[in-house]
Amino acid sequence: KGWLLWPPIPYAYDTVVDRPGAAPLPPNGENLLGTDDTK
């Protein structure tokens, strides 16, 4: 058995968020400050 230790925010500055909807997306529990116009 293996494991992964993730950082508190599992996104880099250039990571595209996999969320439904048109960008920019509003803040939620996954993206505390929302997303920009390229998700």
Full PDB file with SEQRES, HELIX, SHEET, SSBOND, CRYST1, ORIGX, SCALE, CONECT and MASTER records, all heavy atoms in Angstrom:
SEQRES   1 A   39  LYS GLY TRP LEU LEU TRP PRO PRO ILE PRO TYR ALA TYR          
SEQRES   2 A   39  ASP THR VAL VAL ASP ARG PRO GLY ALA ALA PRO LEU PRO          
SEQRES   3 A   39  PRO ASN GLY GLU ASN LEU LEU GLY THR ASP ASP THR LYS          
CRYST1    1.000    1.000    1.000  90.00  90.00  90.00 P 1           1          
ORIGX1      1.000000  0.000000  0.000000        0.00000                         
ORIGX2      0.000000  1.000000  0.000000        0.00000                         
ORIGX3      0.000000  0.000000  1.000000        0.00000                         
SCALE1      1.000000  0.000000  0.000000        0.00000                         
SCALE2      0.000000  1.000000  0.000000        0.00000                         
SCALE3      0.000000  0.000000  1.000000        0.00000                         
ATOM      1  N   LYS A   1       0.827  -1.203   0.000  1.00  0.00           N  
ATOM      2  CA  LYS A   1       0.000   0.000   0.000  1.00  0.00           C  
ATOM      3  C   LYS A   1       0.863   1.256   0.000  1.00  0.00           C  
ATOM      4  O   LYS A   1       1.830   1.370   0.764  1.00  0.00           O  
ATOM      5  CB  LYS A   1      -0.919  -0.004   1.217  1.00  0.00           C  
ATOM      6  CG  LYS A   1      -1.874   1.166   1.254  1.00  0.00           C  
ATOM      7  CD  LYS A   1      -2.733   1.127   2.511  1.00  0.00           C  
ATOM      8  CE  LYS A   1      -3.626   2.357   2.592  1.00  0.00           C  
ATOM      9  NZ  LYS A   1      -4.428   2.364   3.837  1.00  0.00           N  
ATOM     10  N   GLY A   2       0.506   2.197  -0.856  1.00  0.00           N  
ATOM     11  CA  GLY A   2       1.196   3.474  -0.921  1.00  0.00           C  
ATOM     12  C   GLY A   2       0.294   4.615  -0.506  1.00  0.00           C  
ATOM     13  O   GLY A   2      -0.886   4.422  -0.178  1.00  0.00           O  
ATOM     14  N   TRP A   3       0.824   5.814  -0.500  1.00  0.00           N  
ATOM     15  CA  TRP A   3       0.035   6.990  -0.130  1.00  0.00           C  
ATOM     16  C   TRP A   3       0.629   8.225  -0.780  1.00  0.00           C  
ATOM     17  O   TRP A   3       1.772   8.226  -1.258  1.00  0.00           O  
ATOM     18  CB  TRP A   3      -0.037   7.165   1.394  1.00  0.00           C  
ATOM     19  CG  TRP A   3       1.276   7.017   2.120  1.00  0.00           C  
ATOM     20  CD1 TRP A   3       1.756   5.894   2.724  1.00  0.00           C  
ATOM     21  CD2 TRP A   3       2.289   8.027   2.282  1.00  0.00           C  
ATOM     22  NE1 TRP A   3       2.988   6.128   3.271  1.00  0.00           N  
ATOM     23  CE2 TRP A   3       3.336   7.436   3.032  1.00  0.00           C  
ATOM     24  CE3 TRP A   3       2.422   9.355   1.891  1.00  0.00           C  
ATOM     25  CZ2 TRP A   3       4.495   8.127   3.367  1.00  0.00           C  
ATOM     26  CZ3 TRP A   3       3.560  10.059   2.230  1.00  0.00           C  
ATOM     27  CH2 TRP A   3       4.583   9.440   2.967  1.00  0.00           C  
ATOM     28  N   LEU A   4      -0.169   9.300  -0.776  1.00  0.00           N  
ATOM     29  CA  LEU A   4       0.247  10.593  -1.337  1.00  0.00           C  
ATOM     30  C   LEU A   4      -0.020  11.673  -0.297  1.00  0.00           C  
ATOM     31  O   LEU A   4      -1.094  11.714   0.307  1.00  0.00           O  
ATOM     32  CB  LEU A   4      -0.508  10.931  -2.626  1.00  0.00           C  
ATOM     33  CG  LEU A   4      -0.382   9.976  -3.813  1.00  0.00           C  
ATOM     34  CD1 LEU A   4      -1.488   8.923  -3.761  1.00  0.00           C  
ATOM     35  CD2 LEU A   4      -0.459  10.753  -5.135  1.00  0.00           C  
ATOM     36  N   LEU A   5       0.946  12.550  -0.080  1.00  0.00           N  
ATOM     37  CA  LEU A   5       0.788  13.694   0.816  1.00  0.00           C  
ATOM     38  C   LEU A   5       0.660  14.958  -0.032  1.00  0.00           C  
ATOM     39  O   LEU A   5       1.631  15.409  -0.644  1.00  0.00           O  
ATOM     40  CB  LEU A   5       1.983  13.813   1.767  1.00  0.00           C  
ATOM     41  CG  LEU A   5       1.970  15.008   2.731  1.00  0.00           C  
ATOM     42  CD1 LEU A   5       0.758  14.946   3.653  1.00  0.00           C  
ATOM     43  CD2 LEU A   5       3.263  15.088   3.533  1.00  0.00           C  
ATOM     44  N   TRP A   6      -0.554  15.524  -0.060  1.00  0.00           N  
ATOM     45  CA  TRP A   6      -0.833  16.677  -0.911  1.00  0.00           C  
ATOM     46  C   TRP A   6      -0.632  17.982  -0.139  1.00  0.00           C  
ATOM     47  O   TRP A   6      -0.804  18.021   1.083  1.00  0.00           O  
ATOM     48  CB  TRP A   6      -2.271  16.623  -1.425  1.00  0.00           C  
ATOM     49  CG  TRP A   6      -2.508  15.575  -2.456  1.00  0.00           C  
ATOM     50  CD1 TRP A   6      -2.957  14.305  -2.258  1.00  0.00           C  
ATOM     51  CD2 TRP A   6      -2.276  15.709  -3.864  1.00  0.00           C  
ATOM     52  NE1 TRP A   6      -3.023  13.630  -3.450  1.00  0.00           N  
ATOM     53  CE2 TRP A   6      -2.618  14.476  -4.462  1.00  0.00           C  
ATOM     54  CE3 TRP A   6      -1.826  16.742  -4.685  1.00  0.00           C  
ATOM     55  CZ2 TRP A   6      -2.518  14.247  -5.819  1.00  0.00           C  
ATOM     56  CZ3 TRP A   6      -1.726  16.521  -6.044  1.00  0.00           C  
ATOM     57  CH2 TRP A   6      -2.069  15.285  -6.596  1.00  0.00           C  
ATOM     58  N   PRO A   7      -0.276  19.065  -0.829  1.00  0.00           N  
ATOM     59  CA  PRO A   7      -0.228  20.385  -0.171  1.00  0.00           C  
ATOM     60  C   PRO A   7      -1.634  20.861   0.171  1.00  0.00           C  
ATOM     61  O   PRO A   7      -2.625  20.307  -0.327  1.00  0.00           O  
ATOM     62  CB  PRO A   7       0.443  21.282  -1.225  1.00  0.00           C  
ATOM     63  CG  PRO A   7       0.236  20.588  -2.521  1.00  0.00           C  
ATOM     64  CD  PRO A   7       0.166  19.123  -2.229  1.00  0.00           C  
ATOM     65  N   PRO A   8      -1.756  21.895   1.020  1.00  0.00           N  
ATOM     66  CA  PRO A   8      -3.097  22.378   1.386  1.00  0.00           C  
ATOM     67  C   PRO A   8      -3.947  22.801   0.194  1.00  0.00           C  
ATOM     68  O   PRO A   8      -5.164  22.619   0.202  1.00  0.00           O  
ATOM     69  CB  PRO A   8      -2.803  23.570   2.312  1.00  0.00           C  
ATOM     70  CG  PRO A   8      -1.423  23.322   2.828  1.00  0.00           C  
ATOM     71  CD  PRO A   8      -0.694  22.612   1.743  1.00  0.00           C  
ATOM     72  N   ILE A   9      -3.312  23.382  -0.832  1.00  0.00           N  
ATOM     73  CA  ILE A   9      -4.023  23.786  -2.050  1.00  0.00           C  
ATOM     74  C   ILE A   9      -3.526  22.890  -3.179  1.00  0.00           C  
ATOM     75  O   ILE A   9      -2.385  23.025  -3.630  1.00  0.00           O  
ATOM     76  CB  ILE A   9      -3.770  25.263  -2.381  1.00  0.00           C  
ATOM     77  CG1 ILE A   9      -4.155  26.147  -1.193  1.00  0.00           C  
ATOM     78  CG2 ILE A   9      -4.544  25.689  -3.629  1.00  0.00           C  
ATOM     79  CD1 ILE A   9      -3.749  27.592  -1.350  1.00  0.00           C  
ATOM     80  N   PRO A  10      -4.337  21.949  -3.643  1.00  0.00           N  
ATOM     81  CA  PRO A  10      -3.848  20.974  -4.636  1.00  0.00           C  
ATOM     82  C   PRO A  10      -3.815  21.522  -6.058  1.00  0.00           C  
ATOM     83  O   PRO A  10      -4.129  20.800  -7.012  1.00  0.00           O  
ATOM     84  CB  PRO A  10      -4.849  19.824  -4.494  1.00  0.00           C  
ATOM     85  CG  PRO A  10      -6.112  20.485  -4.088  1.00  0.00           C  
ATOM     86  CD  PRO A  10      -5.727  21.655  -3.225  1.00  0.00           C  
ATOM     87  N   TYR A  11      -3.451  22.779  -6.221  1.00  0.00           N  
ATOM     88  CA  TYR A  11      -3.366  23.390  -7.544  1.00  0.00           C  
ATOM     89  C   TYR A  11      -2.115  24.264  -7.605  1.00  0.00           C  
ATOM     90  O   TYR A  11      -1.801  24.981  -6.641  1.00  0.00           O  
ATOM     91  CB  TYR A  11      -4.591  24.273  -7.845  1.00  0.00           C  
ATOM     92  CG  TYR A  11      -5.918  23.564  -7.724  1.00  0.00           C  
ATOM     93  CD1 TYR A  11      -6.738  23.783  -6.623  1.00  0.00           C  
ATOM     94  CD2 TYR A  11      -6.351  22.680  -8.704  1.00  0.00           C  
ATOM     95  CE1 TYR A  11      -7.956  23.143  -6.502  1.00  0.00           C  
ATOM     96  CE2 TYR A  11      -7.573  22.025  -8.590  1.00  0.00           C  
ATOM     97  CZ  TYR A  11      -8.362  22.260  -7.492  1.00  0.00           C  
ATOM     98  OH  TYR A  11      -9.564  21.614  -7.362  1.00  0.00           O  
ATOM     99  N   ALA A  12      -1.415  24.222  -8.723  1.00  0.00           N  
ATOM    100  CA  ALA A  12      -0.349  25.177  -8.983  1.00  0.00           C  
ATOM    101  C   ALA A  12      -0.950  26.418  -9.633  1.00  0.00           C  
ATOM    102  O   ALA A  12      -2.149  26.482  -9.911  1.00  0.00           O  
ATOM    103  CB  ALA A  12       0.720  24.549  -9.875  1.00  0.00           C  
ATOM    104  N   TYR A  13      -0.104  27.415  -9.869  1.00  0.00           N  
ATOM    105  CA  TYR A  13      -0.624  28.667 -10.427  1.00  0.00           C  
ATOM    106  C   TYR A  13      -1.112  28.504 -11.862  1.00  0.00           C  
ATOM    107  O   TYR A  13      -1.889  29.326 -12.358  1.00  0.00           O  
ATOM    108  CB  TYR A  13       0.441  29.757 -10.356  1.00  0.00           C  
ATOM    109  CG  TYR A  13       1.659  29.502 -11.212  1.00  0.00           C  
ATOM    110  CD1 TYR A  13       1.718  29.908 -12.535  1.00  0.00           C  
ATOM    111  CD2 TYR A  13       2.772  28.857 -10.681  1.00  0.00           C  
ATOM    112  CE1 TYR A  13       2.837  29.669 -13.317  1.00  0.00           C  
ATOM    113  CE2 TYR A  13       3.890  28.615 -11.449  1.00  0.00           C  
ATOM    114  CZ  TYR A  13       3.913  29.030 -12.764  1.00  0.00           C  
ATOM    115  OH  TYR A  13       5.032  28.787 -13.533  1.00  0.00           O  
ATOM    116  N   ASP A  14      -0.669  27.440 -12.550  1.00  0.00           N  
ATOM    117  CA  ASP A  14      -1.075  27.233 -13.938  1.00  0.00           C  
ATOM    118  C   ASP A  14      -1.949  25.997 -14.115  1.00  0.00           C  
ATOM    119  O   ASP A  14      -2.175  25.552 -15.245  1.00  0.00           O  
ATOM    120  CB  ASP A  14       0.152  27.122 -14.831  1.00  0.00           C  
ATOM    121  CG  ASP A  14       1.108  26.018 -14.375  1.00  0.00           C  
ATOM    122  OD1 ASP A  14       0.899  25.458 -13.278  1.00  0.00           O  
ATOM    123  OD2 ASP A  14       2.080  25.736 -15.105  1.00  0.00           O  
ATOM    124  N   THR A  15      -2.452  25.426 -13.022  1.00  0.00           N  
ATOM    125  CA  THR A  15      -3.289  24.227 -13.102  1.00  0.00           C  
ATOM    126  C   THR A  15      -4.718  24.613 -13.473  1.00  0.00           C  
ATOM    127  O   THR A  15      -5.303  25.519 -12.857  1.00  0.00           O  
ATOM    128  CB  THR A  15      -3.299  23.478 -11.763  1.00  0.00           C  
ATOM    129  OG1 THR A  15      -1.951  23.183 -11.390  1.00  0.00           O  
ATOM    130  CG2 THR A  15      -4.094  22.191 -11.865  1.00  0.00           C  
ATOM    131  N   VAL A  16      -5.272  23.940 -14.460  1.00  0.00           N  
ATOM    132  CA  VAL A  16      -6.655  24.156 -14.857  1.00  0.00           C  
ATOM    133  C   VAL A  16      -7.556  23.321 -13.949  1.00  0.00           C  
ATOM    134  O   VAL A  16      -7.380  22.107 -13.822  1.00  0.00           O  
ATOM    135  CB  VAL A  16      -6.877  23.778 -16.338  1.00  0.00           C  
ATOM    136  CG1 VAL A  16      -8.343  23.959 -16.721  1.00  0.00           C  
ATOM    137  CG2 VAL A  16      -5.980  24.617 -17.236  1.00  0.00           C  
ATOM    138  N   VAL A  17      -8.509  23.986 -13.299  1.00  0.00           N  
ATOM    139  CA  VAL A  17      -9.381  23.329 -12.341  1.00  0.00           C  
ATOM    140  C   VAL A  17     -10.463  22.542 -13.079  1.00  0.00           C  
ATOM    141  O   VAL A  17     -11.058  23.047 -14.048  1.00  0.00           O  
ATOM    142  CB  VAL A  17     -10.022  24.367 -11.394  1.00  0.00           C  
ATOM    143  CG1 VAL A  17     -11.000  23.709 -10.434  1.00  0.00           C  
ATOM    144  CG2 VAL A  17      -8.935  25.097 -10.625  1.00  0.00           C  
ATOM    145  N   ASP A  18     -10.692  21.335 -12.627  1.00  0.00           N  
ATOM    146  CA  ASP A  18     -11.715  20.482 -13.241  1.00  0.00           C  
ATOM    147  C   ASP A  18     -13.038  20.688 -12.499  1.00  0.00           C  
ATOM    148  O   ASP A  18     -13.406  19.927 -11.608  1.00  0.00           O  
ATOM    149  CB  ASP A  18     -11.274  19.017 -13.180  1.00  0.00           C  
ATOM    150  CG  ASP A  18     -12.233  18.107 -13.947  1.00  0.00           C  
ATOM    151  OD1 ASP A  18     -13.053  18.631 -14.716  1.00  0.00           O  
ATOM    152  OD2 ASP A  18     -12.161  16.871 -13.749  1.00  0.00           O  
ATOM    153  N   ARG A  19     -13.725  21.771 -12.864  1.00  0.00           N  
ATOM    154  CA  ARG A  19     -15.037  22.083 -12.287  1.00  0.00           C  
ATOM    155  C   ARG A  19     -16.012  22.407 -13.402  1.00  0.00           C  
ATOM    156  O   ARG A  19     -15.643  23.074 -14.388  1.00  0.00           O  
ATOM    157  CB  ARG A  19     -14.961  23.294 -11.341  1.00  0.00           C  
ATOM    158  CG  ARG A  19     -14.528  22.996  -9.926  1.00  0.00           C  
ATOM    159  CD  ARG A  19     -14.443  24.268  -9.111  1.00  0.00           C  
ATOM    160  NE  ARG A  19     -15.724  24.959  -9.042  1.00  0.00           N  
ATOM    161  CZ  ARG A  19     -15.876  26.183  -8.500  1.00  0.00           C  
ATOM    162  NH1 ARG A  19     -14.828  26.817  -8.012  1.00  0.00           N  
ATOM    163  NH2 ARG A  19     -17.067  26.742  -8.479  1.00  0.00           N  
ATOM    164  N   PRO A  20     -17.241  21.951 -13.286  1.00  0.00           N  
ATOM    165  CA  PRO A  20     -18.224  22.286 -14.325  1.00  0.00           C  
ATOM    166  C   PRO A  20     -18.605  23.753 -14.261  1.00  0.00           C  
ATOM    167  O   PRO A  20     -18.551  24.393 -13.209  1.00  0.00           O  
ATOM    168  CB  PRO A  20     -19.411  21.378 -13.984  1.00  0.00           C  
ATOM    169  CG  PRO A  20     -19.279  21.120 -12.520  1.00  0.00           C  
ATOM    170  CD  PRO A  20     -17.818  21.089 -12.234  1.00  0.00           C  
ATOM    171  N   GLY A  21     -18.977  24.298 -15.388  1.00  0.00           N  
ATOM    172  CA  GLY A  21     -19.401  25.685 -15.450  1.00  0.00           C  
ATOM    173  C   GLY A  21     -18.447  26.525 -16.273  1.00  0.00           C  
ATOM    174  O   GLY A  21     -17.334  26.114 -16.616  1.00  0.00           O  
ATOM    175  N   ALA A  22     -18.930  27.724 -16.609  1.00  0.00           N  
ATOM    176  CA  ALA A  22     -18.139  28.650 -17.421  1.00  0.00           C  
ATOM    177  C   ALA A  22     -17.240  29.492 -16.533  1.00  0.00           C  
ATOM    178  O   ALA A  22     -17.653  29.986 -15.478  1.00  0.00           O  
ATOM    179  CB  ALA A  22     -19.069  29.554 -18.239  1.00  0.00           C  
ATOM    180  N   ALA A  23     -15.991  29.648 -16.936  1.00  0.00           N  
ATOM    181  CA  ALA A  23     -15.040  30.470 -16.188  1.00  0.00           C  
ATOM    182  C   ALA A  23     -15.332  31.952 -16.432  1.00  0.00           C  
ATOM    183  O   ALA A  23     -15.834  32.324 -17.498  1.00  0.00           O  
ATOM    184  CB  ALA A  23     -13.623  30.138 -16.619  1.00  0.00           C  
ATOM    185  N   PRO A  24     -15.015  32.791 -15.428  1.00  0.00           N  
ATOM    186  CA  PRO A  24     -14.459  32.487 -14.106  1.00  0.00           C  
ATOM    187  C   PRO A  24     -15.511  31.923 -13.144  1.00  0.00           C  
ATOM    188  O   PRO A  24     -16.659  32.363 -13.150  1.00  0.00           O  
ATOM    189  CB  PRO A  24     -13.939  33.839 -13.623  1.00  0.00           C  
ATOM    190  CG  PRO A  24     -14.761  34.852 -14.350  1.00  0.00           C  
ATOM    191  CD  PRO A  24     -15.111  34.254 -15.668  1.00  0.00           C  
ATOM    192  N   LEU A  25     -15.071  30.972 -12.334  1.00  0.00           N  
ATOM    193  CA  LEU A  25     -15.977  30.289 -11.413  1.00  0.00           C  
ATOM    194  C   LEU A  25     -15.920  30.939 -10.038  1.00  0.00           C  
ATOM    195  O   LEU A  25     -14.845  31.360  -9.581  1.00  0.00           O  
ATOM    196  CB  LEU A  25     -15.589  28.818 -11.303  1.00  0.00           C  
ATOM    197  CG  LEU A  25     -15.707  28.004 -12.598  1.00  0.00           C  
ATOM    198  CD1 LEU A  25     -15.088  26.628 -12.413  1.00  0.00           C  
ATOM    199  CD2 LEU A  25     -17.161  27.883 -13.023  1.00  0.00           C  
ATOM    200  N   PRO A  26     -17.032  31.035  -9.331  1.00  0.00           N  
ATOM    201  CA  PRO A  26     -17.066  31.709  -8.021  1.00  0.00           C  
ATOM    202  C   PRO A  26     -16.373  30.875  -6.952  1.00  0.00           C  
ATOM    203  O   PRO A  26     -16.130  29.670  -7.131  1.00  0.00           O  
ATOM    204  CB  PRO A  26     -18.570  31.840  -7.750  1.00  0.00           C  
ATOM    205  CG  PRO A  26     -19.191  30.725  -8.512  1.00  0.00           C  
ATOM    206  CD  PRO A  26     -18.362  30.549  -9.743  1.00  0.00           C  
ATOM    207  N   PRO A  27     -16.050  31.482  -5.817  1.00  0.00           N  
ATOM    208  CA  PRO A  27     -15.407  30.740  -4.723  1.00  0.00           C  
ATOM    209  C   PRO A  27     -16.310  29.640  -4.181  1.00  0.00           C  
ATOM    210  O   PRO A  27     -17.534  29.770  -4.143  1.00  0.00           O  
ATOM    211  CB  PRO A  27     -15.157  31.826  -3.665  1.00  0.00           C  
ATOM    212  CG  PRO A  27     -15.182  33.122  -4.414  1.00  0.00           C  
ATOM    213  CD  PRO A  27     -16.154  32.924  -5.528  1.00  0.00           C  
ATOM    214  N   ASN A  28     -15.677  28.545  -3.762  1.00  0.00           N  
ATOM    215  CA  ASN A  28     -16.367  27.450  -3.078  1.00  0.00           C  
ATOM    216  C   ASN A  28     -15.353  26.751  -2.183  1.00  0.00           C  
ATOM    217  O   ASN A  28     -14.238  27.236  -1.972  1.00  0.00           O  
ATOM    218  CB  ASN A  28     -17.027  26.493  -4.078  1.00  0.00           C  
ATOM    219  CG  ASN A  28     -16.018  25.747  -4.932  1.00  0.00           C  
ATOM    220  OD1 ASN A  28     -14.815  25.999  -4.864  1.00  0.00           O  
ATOM    221  ND2 ASN A  28     -16.492  24.818  -5.735  1.00  0.00           N  
ATOM    222  N   GLY A  29     -15.723  25.594  -1.641  1.00  0.00           N  
ATOM    223  CA  GLY A  29     -14.815  24.876  -0.765  1.00  0.00           C  
ATOM    224  C   GLY A  29     -13.582  24.361  -1.456  1.00  0.00           C  
ATOM    225  O   GLY A  29     -12.548  24.140  -0.820  1.00  0.00           O  
ATOM    226  N   GLU A  30     -13.638  24.163  -2.761  1.00  0.00           N  
ATOM    227  CA  GLU A  30     -12.487  23.668  -3.511  1.00  0.00           C  
ATOM    228  C   GLU A  30     -11.567  24.793  -3.943  1.00  0.00           C  
ATOM    229  O   GLU A  30     -10.340  24.642  -3.922  1.00  0.00           O  
ATOM    230  CB  GLU A  30     -12.986  22.897  -4.742  1.00  0.00           C  
ATOM    231  CG  GLU A  30     -11.889  22.202  -5.527  1.00  0.00           C  
ATOM    232  CD  GLU A  30     -12.446  21.423  -6.709  1.00  0.00           C  
ATOM    233  OE1 GLU A  30     -13.693  21.315  -6.823  1.00  0.00           O  
ATOM    234  OE2 GLU A  30     -11.645  20.920  -7.516  1.00  0.00           O  
ATOM    235  N   ASN A  31     -12.121  25.924  -4.352  1.00  0.00           N  
ATOM    236  CA  ASN A  31     -11.354  27.113  -4.744  1.00  0.00           C  
ATOM    237  C   ASN A  31     -11.822  28.270  -3.875  1.00  0.00           C  
ATOM    238  O   ASN A  31     -12.858  28.880  -4.138  1.00  0.00           O  
ATOM    239  CB  ASN A  31     -11.560  27.429  -6.226  1.00  0.00           C  
ATOM    240  CG  ASN A  31     -11.297  26.237  -7.129  1.00  0.00           C  
ATOM    241  OD1 ASN A  31     -12.229  25.667  -7.690  1.00  0.00           O  
ATOM    242  ND2 ASN A  31     -10.040  25.845  -7.246  1.00  0.00           N  
ATOM    243  N   LEU A  32     -11.041  28.575  -2.847  1.00  0.00           N  
ATOM    244  CA  LEU A  32     -11.479  29.528  -1.821  1.00  0.00           C  
ATOM    245  C   LEU A  32     -11.676  30.936  -2.378  1.00  0.00           C  
ATOM    246  O   LEU A  32     -12.506  31.685  -1.869  1.00  0.00           O  
ATOM    247  CB  LEU A  32     -10.471  29.557  -0.670  1.00  0.00           C  
ATOM    248  CG  LEU A  32     -10.295  28.229   0.081  1.00  0.00           C  
ATOM    249  CD1 LEU A  32      -9.268  28.390   1.195  1.00  0.00           C  
ATOM    250  CD2 LEU A  32     -11.627  27.747   0.633  1.00  0.00           C  
ATOM    251  N   LEU A  33     -10.911  31.313  -3.395  1.00  0.00           N  
ATOM    252  CA  LEU A  33     -11.046  32.628  -4.016  1.00  0.00           C  
ATOM    253  C   LEU A  33     -11.538  32.528  -5.454  1.00  0.00           C  
ATOM    254  O   LEU A  33     -11.420  33.481  -6.222  1.00  0.00           O  
ATOM    255  CB  LEU A  33      -9.708  33.382  -3.972  1.00  0.00           C  
ATOM    256  CG  LEU A  33      -9.183  33.741  -2.583  1.00  0.00           C  
ATOM    257  CD1 LEU A  33      -7.845  34.466  -2.674  1.00  0.00           C  
ATOM    258  CD2 LEU A  33     -10.191  34.596  -1.821  1.00  0.00           C  
ATOM    259  N   GLY A  34     -12.100  31.393  -5.814  1.00  0.00           N  
ATOM    260  CA  GLY A  34     -12.622  31.217  -7.159  1.00  0.00           C  
ATOM    261  C   GLY A  34     -11.522  30.942  -8.167  1.00  0.00           C  
ATOM    262  O   GLY A  34     -10.371  30.662  -7.831  1.00  0.00           O  
ATOM    263  N   THR A  35     -11.904  31.028  -9.445  1.00  0.00           N  
ATOM    264  CA  THR A  35     -10.945  30.825 -10.534  1.00  0.00           C  
ATOM    265  C   THR A  35     -10.962  32.040 -11.452  1.00  0.00           C  
ATOM    266  O   THR A  35     -11.892  32.857 -11.428  1.00  0.00           O  
ATOM    267  CB  THR A  35     -11.290  29.566 -11.350  1.00  0.00           C  
ATOM    268  OG1 THR A  35     -12.521  29.782 -12.064  1.00  0.00           O  
ATOM    269  CG2 THR A  35     -11.443  28.355 -10.442  1.00  0.00           C  
ATOM    270  N   ASP A  36      -9.921  32.144 -12.277  1.00  0.00           N  
ATOM    271  CA  ASP A  36      -9.881  33.232 -13.243  1.00  0.00           C  
ATOM    272  C   ASP A  36     -10.582  32.797 -14.523  1.00  0.00           C  
ATOM    273  O   ASP A  36     -11.260  31.763 -14.572  1.00  0.00           O  
ATOM    274  CB  ASP A  36      -8.439  33.679 -13.488  1.00  0.00           C  
ATOM    275  CG  ASP A  36      -7.584  32.548 -14.046  1.00  0.00           C  
ATOM    276  OD1 ASP A  36      -8.128  31.475 -14.373  1.00  0.00           O  
ATOM    277  OD2 ASP A  36      -6.363  32.740 -14.162  1.00  0.00           O  
ATOM    278  N   ASP A  37     -10.394  33.574 -15.592  1.00  0.00           N  
ATOM    279  CA  ASP A  37     -11.134  33.289 -16.821  1.00  0.00           C  
ATOM    280  C   ASP A  37     -10.580  32.107 -17.606  1.00  0.00           C  
ATOM    281  O   ASP A  37     -11.121  31.756 -18.660  1.00  0.00           O  
ATOM    282  CB  ASP A  37     -11.177  34.532 -17.718  1.00  0.00           C  
ATOM    283  CG  ASP A  37      -9.798  35.055 -18.060  1.00  0.00           C  
ATOM    284  OD1 ASP A  37      -8.803  34.398 -17.663  1.00  0.00           O  
ATOM    285  OD2 ASP A  37      -9.706  36.114 -18.690  1.00  0.00           O  
ATOM    286  N   THR A  38      -9.508  31.498 -17.130  1.00  0.00           N  
ATOM    287  CA  THR A  38      -9.009  30.263 -17.743  1.00  0.00           C  
ATOM    288  C   THR A  38      -9.068  29.089 -16.762  1.00  0.00           C  
ATOM    289  O   THR A  38      -8.356  28.109 -16.931  1.00  0.00           O  
ATOM    290  CB  THR A  38      -7.558  30.449 -18.248  1.00  0.00           C  
ATOM    291  OG1 THR A  38      -6.734  30.867 -17.161  1.00  0.00           O  
ATOM    292  CG2 THR A  38      -7.497  31.472 -19.359  1.00  0.00           C  
ATOM    293  N   LYS A  39      -9.906  29.217 -15.735  1.00  0.00           N  
ATOM    294  CA  LYS A  39     -10.138  28.167 -14.734  1.00  0.00           C  
ATOM    295  C   LYS A  39      -8.877  27.808 -13.943  1.00  0.00           C  
ATOM    296  O   LYS A  39      -8.652  26.652 -13.605  1.00  0.00           O  
ATOM    297  CB  LYS A  39     -10.724  26.913 -15.381  1.00  0.00           C  
ATOM    298  CG  LYS A  39     -12.208  27.017 -15.685  1.00  0.00           C  
ATOM    299  CD  LYS A  39     -12.801  25.660 -16.013  1.00  0.00           C  
ATOM    300  CE  LYS A  39     -14.318  25.754 -16.190  1.00  0.00           C  
ATOM    301  NZ  LYS A  39     -14.934  24.437 -16.432  1.00  0.00           N  
TER     302      LYS A  39                                                      
MASTER        0    0    0    0    0    0    0    6  301    1    0    3          
END                                                                             
